[in-house]
Structure formats: structure tokens, C-alpha cells
C-alpha atoms as a PDB file:
ATOM      1  CA  UNK A   1      94.925 101.311 131.809  1.00  0.00           C
ATOM      2  CA  UNK A   2      92.676  98.861 130.026  1.00  0.00           C
ATOM      3  CA  UNK A   3      94.023  96.228 127.638  1.00  0.00           C
ATOM      4  CA  UNK A   4      94.232  98.602 124.685  1.00  0.00           C
ATOM      5  CA  UNK A   5      93.770 102.020 126.191  1.00  0.00           C
ATOM      6  CA  UNK A   6      93.079 104.404 129.016  1.00  0.00           C
ATOM      7  CA  UNK A   7      90.742 103.799 131.980  1.00  0.00           C
ATOM      8  CA  UNK A   8      89.371 107.359 132.048  1.00  0.00           C
ATOM      9  CA  UNK A   9      89.428 107.888 128.294  1.00  0.00           C
ATOM     10  CA  UNK A  10      86.538 110.406 128.106  1.00  0.00           C
ATOM     11  CA  UNK A  11      88.270 112.784 130.523  1.00  0.00           C
ATOM     12  CA  UNK A  12      91.684 112.455 128.862  1.00  0.00           C
ATOM     13  CA  UNK A  13      90.066 113.057 125.471  1.00  0.00           C
ATOM     14  CA  UNK A  14      88.202 116.149 126.721  1.00  0.00           C
ATOM     15  CA  UNK A  15      91.417 117.580 128.135  1.00  0.00           C
ATOM     16  CA  UNK A  16      93.323 116.868 124.923  1.00  0.00           C
ATOM     17  CA  UNK A  17      90.548 118.479 122.898  1.00  0.00           C
ATOM     18  CA  UNK A  18      90.938 121.609 125.055  1.00  0.00           C
ATOM     19  CA  UNK A  19      94.617 121.742 124.135  1.00  0.00           C
ATOM     20  CA  UNK A  20      96.135 120.053 127.175  1.00  0.00           C
ATOM     21  CA  UNK A  21      99.524 118.793 125.970  1.00  0.00           C
ATOM     22  CA  UNK A  22      99.869 116.307 128.827  1.00  0.00           C
ATOM     23  CA  UNK A  23      96.543 114.696 127.906  1.00  0.00           C
ATOM     24  CA  UNK A  24      97.549 114.522 124.231  1.00  0.00           C
ATOM     25  CA  UNK A  25     100.836 112.933 125.308  1.00  0.00           C
ATOM     26  CA  UNK A  26      98.845 110.292 127.231  1.00  0.00           C
ATOM     27  CA  UNK A  27      96.869 109.501 124.070  1.00  0.00           C
ATOM     28  CA  UNK A  28     100.067 109.377 122.029  1.00  0.00           C
ATOM     29  CA  UNK A  29     101.944 107.142 124.467  1.00  0.00           C
ATOM     30  CA  UNK A  30      98.983 104.810 124.774  1.00  0.00           C
ATOM     31  CA  UNK A  31      98.189 104.284 121.098  1.00  0.00           C
ATOM     32  CA  UNK A  32     101.457 105.008 119.289  1.00  0.00           C
ATOM     33  CA  UNK A  33     103.210 101.658 119.981  1.00  0.00           C
ATOM     34  CA  UNK A  34     100.477  99.552 118.330  1.00  0.00           C
ATOM     35  CA  UNK A  35     100.056 102.094 115.544  1.00  0.00           C
ATOM     36  CA  UNK A  36     103.775 101.960 114.817  1.00  0.00           C
ATOM     37  CA  UNK A  37     103.785  98.155 114.958  1.00  0.00           C
ATOM     38  CA  UNK A  38     100.954  98.100 112.416  1.00  0.00           C
ATOM     39  CA  UNK A  39     102.756 100.565 110.137  1.00  0.00           C
ATOM     40  CA  UNK A  40     106.109  98.762 110.421  1.00  0.00           C
ATOM     41  CA  UNK A  41     104.497  95.541 109.320  1.00  0.00           C
ATOM     42  CA  UNK A  42     103.101  97.337 106.271  1.00  0.00           C
ATOM     43  CA  UNK A  43     105.884  99.798 105.427  1.00  0.00           C
ATOM     44  CA  UNK A  44     109.105  99.093 107.370  1.00  0.00           C
ATOM     45  CA  UNK A  45     111.205 102.039 106.167  1.00  0.00           C
ATOM     46  CA  UNK A  46     108.524 104.757 106.109  1.00  0.00           C
ATOM     47  CA  UNK A  47     106.602 103.658 109.206  1.00  0.00           C
ATOM     48  CA  UNK A  48     107.906 106.453 111.454  1.00  0.00           C
ATOM     49  CA  UNK A  49     107.121 109.126 108.853  1.00  0.00           C
ATOM     50  CA  UNK A  50     103.604 107.855 108.274  1.00  0.00           C
ATOM     51  CA  UNK A  51     103.028 107.560 112.032  1.00  0.00           C
ATOM     52  CA  UNK A  52     104.052 111.204 112.385  1.00  0.00           C
ATOM     53  CA  UNK A  53     101.596 112.164 109.636  1.00  0.00           C
ATOM     54  CA  UNK A  54      98.858 110.235 111.429  1.00  0.00           C
ATOM     55  CA  UNK A  55      99.497 112.068 114.706  1.00  0.00           C
ATOM     56  CA  UNK A  56      99.539 115.429 112.927  1.00  0.00           C
ATOM     57  CA  UNK A  57      96.138 114.544 111.430  1.00  0.00           C
ATOM     58  CA  UNK A  58      94.894 113.446 114.837  1.00  0.00           C
ATOM     59  CA  UNK A  59      96.037 116.672 116.474  1.00  0.00           C
ATOM     60  CA  UNK A  60      94.354 118.744 113.749  1.00  0.00           C
ATOM     61  CA  UNK A  61      91.082 116.827 113.891  1.00  0.00           C
ATOM     62  CA  UNK A  62      90.923 116.093 117.601  1.00  0.00           C
ATOM     63  CA  UNK A  63      88.565 118.946 118.499  1.00  0.00           C
ATOM     64  CA  UNK A  64      86.000 117.672 115.983  1.00  0.00           C
ATOM     65  CA  UNK A  65      86.287 114.045 117.114  1.00  0.00           C
ATOM     66  CA  UNK A  66      83.271 112.600 118.888  1.00  0.00           C
ATOM     67  CA  UNK A  67      83.154 109.064 120.112  1.00  0.00           C
ATOM     68  CA  UNK A  68      84.447 106.631 122.653  1.00  0.00           C
ATOM     69  CA  UNK A  69      87.804 104.919 122.966  1.00  0.00           C
ATOM     70  CA  UNK A  70      86.910 102.227 120.436  1.00  0.00           C
ATOM     71  CA  UNK A  71      85.958 104.887 117.894  1.00  0.00           C
ATOM     72  CA  UNK A  72      89.199 106.739 118.640  1.00  0.00           C
ATOM     73  CA  UNK A  73      91.297 103.618 117.960  1.00  0.00           C
ATOM     74  CA  UNK A  74      89.325 103.012 114.770  1.00  0.00           C
ATOM     75  CA  UNK A  75      89.900 106.629 113.714  1.00  0.00           C
ATOM     76  CA  UNK A  76      93.658 106.379 114.275  1.00  0.00           C
ATOM     77  CA  UNK A  77      93.987 103.105 112.373  1.00  0.00           C
ATOM     78  CA  UNK A  78      91.705 104.296 109.567  1.00  0.00           C
ATOM     79  CA  UNK A  79      93.930 107.356 109.211  1.00  0.00           C
ATOM     80  CA  UNK A  80      97.024 105.132 109.173  1.00  0.00           C
ATOM     81  CA  UNK A  81      95.462 102.864 106.569  1.00  0.00           C
ATOM     82  CA  UNK A  82      94.586 105.823 104.319  1.00  0.00           C
ATOM     83  CA  UNK A  83      98.089 107.276 104.672  1.00  0.00           C
ATOM     84  CA  UNK A  84      99.594 103.894 103.808  1.00  0.00           C
ATOM     85  CA  UNK A  85      97.400 103.561 100.717  1.00  0.00           C
ATOM     86  CA  UNK A  86      98.315 107.126  99.692  1.00  0.00           C
ATOM     87  CA  UNK A  87     102.003 106.262  99.999  1.00  0.00           C
ATOM     88  CA  UNK A  88     101.564 103.134  97.861  1.00  0.00           C
ATOM     89  CA  UNK A  89      99.731 105.157  95.233  1.00  0.00           C
ATOM     90  CA  UNK A  90     102.425 107.837  95.148  1.00  0.00           C
ATOM     91  CA  UNK A  91     105.020 105.155  94.634  1.00  0.00           C
ATOM     92  CA  UNK A  92     102.779 103.101  92.354  1.00  0.00           C
ATOM     93  CA  UNK A  93     103.793  99.886  94.092  1.00  0.00           C
ATOM     94  CA  UNK A  94     101.774  97.004  95.406  1.00  0.00           C
ATOM     95  CA  UNK A  95     101.687  96.838  99.214  1.00  0.00           C
ATOM     96  CA  UNK A  96     103.926  94.179 100.663  1.00  0.00           C
ATOM     97  CA  UNK A  97     104.491  92.850 104.114  1.00  0.00           C
ATOM     98  CA  UNK A  98     108.087  93.598 104.924  1.00  0.00           C
ATOM     99  CA  UNK A  99     110.609  92.397 107.430  1.00  0.00           C
ATOM    100  CA  UNK A 100     113.559  94.700 107.860  1.00  0.00           C
ATOM    101  CA  UNK A 101     116.496  92.673 109.142  1.00  0.00           C
ATOM    102  CA  UNK A 102     119.436  94.984 108.430  1.00  0.00           C
ATOM    103  CA  UNK A 103     119.751  96.343 111.952  1.00  0.00           C
ATOM    104  CA  UNK A 104     123.248  95.731 113.257  1.00  0.00           C
ATOM    105  CA  UNK A 105     124.353  95.031 116.813  1.00  0.00           C
ATOM    106  CA  UNK A 106     121.047  95.194 118.650  1.00  0.00           C
ATOM    107  CA  UNK A 107     121.513  95.879 122.332  1.00  0.00           C
ATOM    108  CA  UNK A 108     119.219  94.777 125.128  1.00  0.00           C
ATOM    109  CA  UNK A 109     117.388  98.086 125.260  1.00  0.00           C
ATOM    110  CA  UNK A 110     113.611  98.243 125.228  1.00  0.00           C
ATOM    111  CA  UNK A 111     113.794  99.815 121.749  1.00  0.00           C
ATOM    112  CA  UNK A 112     115.772  96.886 120.364  1.00  0.00           C
ATOM    113  CA  UNK A 113     113.422  94.432 122.053  1.00  0.00           C
ATOM    114  CA  UNK A 114     110.482  96.259 120.487  1.00  0.00           C
ATOM    115  CA  UNK A 115     112.145  96.072 117.079  1.00  0.00           C
ATOM    116  CA  UNK A 116     112.605  92.331 117.538  1.00  0.00           C
ATOM    117  CA  UNK A 117     108.919  91.991 118.427  1.00  0.00           C
ATOM    118  CA  UNK A 118     107.943  94.069 115.396  1.00  0.00           C
ATOM    119  CA  UNK A 119     110.115  91.902 113.153  1.00  0.00           C
ATOM    120  CA  UNK A 120     108.591  88.746 114.622  1.00  0.00           C
ATOM    121  CA  UNK A 121     105.071  90.071 113.997  1.00  0.00           C
ATOM    122  CA  UNK A 122     105.995  90.991 110.430  1.00  0.00           C
ATOM    123  CA  UNK A 123     107.514  87.545 109.892  1.00  0.00           C
ATOM    124  CA  UNK A 124     104.341  85.873 111.171  1.00  0.00           C
ATOM    125  CA  UNK A 125     102.101  87.741 108.747  1.00  0.00           C
ATOM    126  CA  UNK A 126     104.559  87.620 105.839  1.00  0.00           C
ATOM    127  CA  UNK A 127     102.978  84.404 104.543  1.00  0.00           C
ATOM    128  CA  UNK A 128      99.524  85.964 104.393  1.00  0.00           C
ATOM    129  CA  UNK A 129      97.927  87.930 101.593  1.00  0.00           C
ATOM    130  CA  UNK A 130      97.855  91.693 102.037  1.00  0.00           C
ATOM    131  CA  UNK A 131      94.164  91.559 102.931  1.00  0.00           C
ATOM    132  CA  UNK A 132      94.659  88.781 105.480  1.00  0.00           C
ATOM    133  CA  UNK A 133      97.630  90.540 107.076  1.00  0.00           C
ATOM    134  CA  UNK A 134      95.807  93.841 107.300  1.00  0.00           C
ATOM    135  CA  UNK A 135      92.769  92.251 108.944  1.00  0.00           C
ATOM    136  CA  UNK A 136      94.846  90.321 111.475  1.00  0.00           C
ATOM    137  CA  UNK A 137      96.956  93.374 112.312  1.00  0.00           C
ATOM    138  CA  UNK A 138      93.963  95.673 112.722  1.00  0.00           C
ATOM    139  CA  UNK A 139      92.188  93.124 114.926  1.00  0.00           C
ATOM    140  CA  UNK A 140      95.181  92.098 117.042  1.00  0.00           C
ATOM    141  CA  UNK A 141      97.392  95.194 117.193  1.00  0.00           C
ATOM    142  CA  UNK A 142      94.677  97.744 116.692  1.00  0.00           C
ATOM    143  CA  UNK A 143      92.232  96.067 119.015  1.00  0.00           C
ATOM    144  CA  UNK A 144      89.453  96.876 116.567  1.00  0.00           C
ATOM    145  CA  UNK A 145      86.254  94.852 116.416  1.00  0.00           C
ATOM    146  CA  UNK A 146      85.371  92.774 113.374  1.00  0.00           C
ATOM    147  CA  UNK A 147      82.682  95.324 112.545  1.00  0.00           C
ATOM    148  CA  UNK A 148      85.164  98.235 112.698  1.00  0.00           C
ATOM    149  CA  UNK A 149      87.700  96.388 110.568  1.00  0.00           C
ATOM    150  CA  UNK A 150      84.956  95.488 108.110  1.00  0.00           C
ATOM    151  CA  UNK A 151      84.053  99.146 107.763  1.00  0.00           C
ATOM    152  CA  UNK A 152      87.704 100.038 107.141  1.00  0.00           C
ATOM    153  CA  UNK A 153      88.367  97.354 104.541  1.00  0.00           C
ATOM    154  CA  UNK A 154      84.930  97.224 102.925  1.00  0.00           C
ATOM    155  CA  UNK A 155      83.915  93.749 104.108  1.00  0.00           C
ATOM    156  CA  UNK A 156      81.104  92.421 106.238  1.00  0.00           C
ATOM    157  CA  UNK A 157      81.731  91.609 109.884  1.00  0.00           C
ATOM    158  CA  UNK A 158      81.256  87.908 109.109  1.00  0.00           C
ATOM    159  CA  UNK A 159      83.803  88.053 106.271  1.00  0.00           C
ATOM    160  CA  UNK A 160      86.339  89.700 108.563  1.00  0.00           C
ATOM    161  CA  UNK A 161      85.852  86.958 111.160  1.00  0.00           C
ATOM    162  CA  UNK A 162      86.257  84.219 108.539  1.00  0.00           C
ATOM    163  CA  UNK A 163      89.369  85.843 107.053  1.00  0.00           C
ATOM    164  CA  UNK A 164      90.843  86.327 110.525  1.00  0.00           C
ATOM    165  CA  UNK A 165      90.140  82.709 111.480  1.00  0.00           C
ATOM    166  CA  UNK A 166      91.704  81.350 108.289  1.00  0.00           C
ATOM    167  CA  UNK A 167      94.674  83.691 108.615  1.00  0.00           C
ATOM    168  CA  UNK A 168      95.385  82.693 112.204  1.00  0.00           C
ATOM    169  CA  UNK A 169      95.052  79.035 111.225  1.00  0.00           C
ATOM    170  CA  UNK A 170      97.583  79.615 108.443  1.00  0.00           C
ATOM    171  CA  UNK A 171      99.977  81.328 110.879  1.00  0.00           C
ATOM    172  CA  UNK A 172      99.593  78.426 113.321  1.00  0.00           C
ATOM    173  CA  UNK A 173     100.279  75.934 110.528  1.00  0.00           C
ATOM    174  CA  UNK A 174     103.388  77.853 109.449  1.00  0.00           C
ATOM    175  CA  UNK A 175     104.643  77.906 113.040  1.00  0.00           C
ATOM    176  CA  UNK A 176     103.961  74.186 113.368  1.00  0.00           C
ATOM    177  CA  UNK A 177     105.929  73.511 110.164  1.00  0.00           C
ATOM    178  CA  UNK A 178     108.898  75.500 111.496  1.00  0.00           C
ATOM    179  CA  UNK A 179     108.928  73.638 114.820  1.00  0.00           C
END
């Protein structure tokens, strides 16, 4: 596996597009953790439901998908972003970065460790604006390029880089203040 994906992505994609469940499972297991982390930082409570909706959309549109692994990641995160915006519109609420801390008696299971990581990520971006948080999360968790993020959020590549730089500097400053 590469840093964000699958070494032989084109072959796995072709197999998944032909209906191979094992290949689709490989795609799911590879990209779902970062997708869910992104959604949890944006939604907390509804993250699992929205992630399920994203994967249903992916499974329905997979045969029509053309592109490489980078385009696939961008497609998944663009779908997640649209689903998140749709949810906010249905609820007529402003998006907020959330940290859900009401989990009781966490054990030392990988799931509880993952939840702790997700909460830490959400806490780090909690001090950012929604736009800053979204850009940082798409770049870091999604592994998307500045150009891809710019396309998703309607900004130039240069603007995305500047916003990311300022956001990471703000996170570093907040961490320094807490130390």
C-alpha cells in the first residue's frame, strides 16, 4: 500500500467496477478510515450514516468512474462534502467542528484508540474557521492536492495553500499555548 492508498489501484478499481466484492472491500477498507475521520470532525453524531451514504453513492457510480487513485480519493471526499452540506441544509444549521466526548469507559481496543485519535483531530481543528478546518482535513486526512481541494471548495490552488499554511500555524500556536 502507498501512503494513502493501494499499490495496484488500477487493477483493484477495474475488478471492483466489474462487480468483484473483494476488490470493492479493498477500496472500502483503504479509504473508509480517513473518510470517517473527516466526517467525524465535521458531524460527530451522523458521521457513520453519511459515510454509509457516500459508499452507497460510490458503489452506484463506480462503473462510470474514470480516473486514477488521486481522482478516486477526490471523488469520495467531494461526495462526502456534498452529503455533509446537504445534511446541514436539511437541518438549517451552520456547520460546526464538533468533539464528542461522551463516550464512557473506553477500552484499549483499536476502535477506542481510533475514537481517541478522531477526537484529538477534531480538538486540533476546533479553533479554526469552518473553511480552514475543511481545507486542512481534506489535505491531511484526504490526501488531496491543493488543486483538488481548491476545486472542491471553490478557491484557487494558491489560496488553499495559504489557508492551509495559516491554519497549521494557528494549530501549532494553540498547541504551544497549551504546553
